[in-house]
Amino acid sequence: MKRAASLAAAAAIVMASPAHAQERAAGLDLPAGSLAQAVGALSRQTGVSIGLRDPALGKRQVPAVRGRMTPARALDKLLRGTSLK
């Protein structure tokens, strides 16, 4: 049951952009705070369109993420320690 909830939550975060943009590493400086703020910063800093299908997910608290990485890796780091994957 818990695994199903995690899978459903992960499906609620959508990355929509050309594949090459999702695989390109960028220098990122994402603040700790709400998932909505961090995802917005990730989108602005990478040019990758990222959306939350469930607005309630945006209230989850996530850690700061800094360094050079792909958008997918940054999203993984933001979600580390949450029930979202």
C-alpha atoms as a PDB file:
ATOM      1  CA  MET A   1       0.000   0.000   0.000  1.00  0.00           C
ATOM      2  CA  LYS A   2       2.804   2.433   0.941  1.00  0.00           C
ATOM      3  CA  ARG A   3       4.677   1.625  -2.280  1.00  0.00           C
ATOM      4  CA  ALA A   4       1.570   2.328  -4.342  1.00  0.00           C
ATOM      5  CA  ALA A   5       1.215   5.710  -2.651  1.00  0.00           C
ATOM      6  CA  SER A   6       4.858   6.536  -3.424  1.00  0.00           C
ATOM      7  CA  LEU A   7       4.428   5.567  -7.063  1.00  0.00           C
ATOM      8  CA  ALA A   8       1.282   7.651  -7.350  1.00  0.00           C
ATOM      9  CA  ALA A   9       3.049  10.649  -5.819  1.00  0.00           C
ATOM     10  CA  ALA A  10       5.984  10.313  -8.194  1.00  0.00           C
ATOM     11  CA  ALA A  11       3.628  10.253 -11.147  1.00  0.00           C
ATOM     12  CA  ALA A  12       2.223  13.549  -9.875  1.00  0.00           C
ATOM     13  CA  ILE A  13       5.483  15.341 -10.760  1.00  0.00           C
ATOM     14  CA  VAL A  14       5.842  15.789 -14.495  1.00  0.00           C
ATOM     15  CA  MET A  15       8.866  16.924 -16.493  1.00  0.00           C
ATOM     16  CA  ALA A  16       7.966  18.105 -19.990  1.00  0.00           C
ATOM     17  CA  SER A  17      10.730  19.281 -22.281  1.00  0.00           C
ATOM     18  CA  PRO A  18      13.013  17.930 -24.975  1.00  0.00           C
ATOM     19  CA  ALA A  19      14.957  14.901 -23.770  1.00  0.00           C
ATOM     20  CA  HIS A  20      18.292  16.641 -24.352  1.00  0.00           C
ATOM     21  CA  ALA A  21      17.305  19.427 -21.935  1.00  0.00           C
ATOM     22  CA  GLN A  22      16.457  16.873 -19.248  1.00  0.00           C
ATOM     23  CA  GLU A  23      19.848  15.173 -19.653  1.00  0.00           C
ATOM     24  CA  ARG A  24      21.995  18.323 -19.712  1.00  0.00           C
ATOM     25  CA  ALA A  25      23.787  19.122 -16.456  1.00  0.00           C
ATOM     26  CA  ALA A  26      23.481  22.646 -15.118  1.00  0.00           C
ATOM     27  CA  GLY A  27      24.844  24.524 -12.127  1.00  0.00           C
ATOM     28  CA  LEU A  28      21.921  24.620  -9.699  1.00  0.00           C
ATOM     29  CA  ASP A  29      21.171  26.514  -6.500  1.00  0.00           C
ATOM     30  CA  LEU A  30      17.776  25.340  -5.251  1.00  0.00           C
ATOM     31  CA  PRO A  31      16.578  26.652  -1.878  1.00  0.00           C
ATOM     32  CA  ALA A  32      15.307  24.530   0.983  1.00  0.00           C
ATOM     33  CA  GLY A  33      11.620  25.072   1.548  1.00  0.00           C
ATOM     34  CA  SER A  34       8.442  24.003  -0.128  1.00  0.00           C
ATOM     35  CA  LEU A  35       8.525  21.569  -3.025  1.00  0.00           C
ATOM     36  CA  ALA A  36       6.575  24.092  -5.104  1.00  0.00           C
ATOM     37  CA  GLN A  37       9.280  26.759  -4.625  1.00  0.00           C
ATOM     38  CA  ALA A  38      12.102  24.302  -5.309  1.00  0.00           C
ATOM     39  CA  VAL A  39      10.449  22.918  -8.444  1.00  0.00           C
ATOM     40  CA  GLY A  40       9.848  26.458  -9.687  1.00  0.00           C
ATOM     41  CA  ALA A  41      13.519  27.312  -9.157  1.00  0.00           C
ATOM     42  CA  LEU A  42      14.600  24.067 -10.854  1.00  0.00           C
ATOM     43  CA  SER A  43      12.416  24.865 -13.839  1.00  0.00           C
ATOM     44  CA  ARG A  44      13.749  28.430 -14.130  1.00  0.00           C
ATOM     45  CA  GLN A  45      17.392  27.389 -13.750  1.00  0.00           C
ATOM     46  CA  THR A  46      17.232  24.530 -16.279  1.00  0.00           C
ATOM     47  CA  GLY A  47      14.571  25.602 -18.757  1.00  0.00           C
ATOM     48  CA  VAL A  48      12.759  22.316 -18.153  1.00  0.00           C
ATOM     49  CA  SER A  49       9.018  22.614 -17.629  1.00  0.00           C
ATOM     50  CA  ILE A  50       8.110  20.814 -14.398  1.00  0.00           C
ATOM     51  CA  GLY A  51       4.658  20.673 -12.911  1.00  0.00           C
ATOM     52  CA  LEU A  52       2.934  19.261  -9.878  1.00  0.00           C
ATOM     53  CA  ARG A  53      -0.325  17.530 -10.718  1.00  0.00           C
ATOM     54  CA  ASP A  54      -1.442  17.691  -7.091  1.00  0.00           C
ATOM     55  CA  PRO A  55      -1.042  21.180  -5.568  1.00  0.00           C
ATOM     56  CA  ALA A  56      -0.972  19.653  -2.070  1.00  0.00           C
ATOM     57  CA  LEU A  57       2.428  18.121  -2.913  1.00  0.00           C
ATOM     58  CA  GLY A  58       3.847  21.619  -3.265  1.00  0.00           C
ATOM     59  CA  LYS A  59       3.554  22.146   0.486  1.00  0.00           C
ATOM     60  CA  ARG A  60       6.006  19.335   1.277  1.00  0.00           C
ATOM     61  CA  GLN A  61       9.303  20.578   2.694  1.00  0.00           C
ATOM     62  CA  VAL A  62      12.475  19.658   0.799  1.00  0.00           C
ATOM     63  CA  PRO A  63      16.205  20.290   1.378  1.00  0.00           C
ATOM     64  CA  ALA A  64      18.392  22.708  -0.542  1.00  0.00           C
ATOM     65  CA  VAL A  65      20.139  21.243  -3.584  1.00  0.00           C
ATOM     66  CA  ARG A  66      23.286  22.803  -4.992  1.00  0.00           C
ATOM     67  CA  GLY A  67      25.814  21.716  -7.562  1.00  0.00           C
ATOM     68  CA  ARG A  68      26.147  20.681 -11.171  1.00  0.00           C
ATOM     69  CA  MET A  69      23.651  17.970 -12.161  1.00  0.00           C
ATOM     70  CA  THR A  70      20.847  17.044 -14.524  1.00  0.00           C
ATOM     71  CA  PRO A  71      17.301  18.169 -13.741  1.00  0.00           C
ATOM     72  CA  ALA A  72      16.298  14.543 -13.062  1.00  0.00           C
ATOM     73  CA  ARG A  73      19.149  14.113 -10.551  1.00  0.00           C
ATOM     74  CA  ALA A  74      18.217  17.401  -8.848  1.00  0.00           C
ATOM     75  CA  LEU A  75      14.607  16.257  -8.559  1.00  0.00           C
ATOM     76  CA  ASP A  76      15.776  12.963  -7.048  1.00  0.00           C
ATOM     77  CA  LYS A  77      17.812  14.901  -4.470  1.00  0.00           C
ATOM     78  CA  LEU A  78      14.878  17.188  -3.657  1.00  0.00           C
ATOM     79  CA  LEU A  79      12.653  14.171  -3.017  1.00  0.00           C
ATOM     80  CA  ARG A  80      15.208  12.232  -0.958  1.00  0.00           C
ATOM     81  CA  GLY A  81      13.912  11.636   2.528  1.00  0.00           C
ATOM     82  CA  THR A  82      10.272  12.143   1.539  1.00  0.00           C
ATOM     83  CA  SER A  83       7.771   9.430   0.713  1.00  0.00           C
ATOM     84  CA  LEU A  84       7.885  10.732  -2.878  1.00  0.00           C
ATOM     85  CA  LYS A  85      10.146   9.070  -5.427  1.00  0.00           C
END
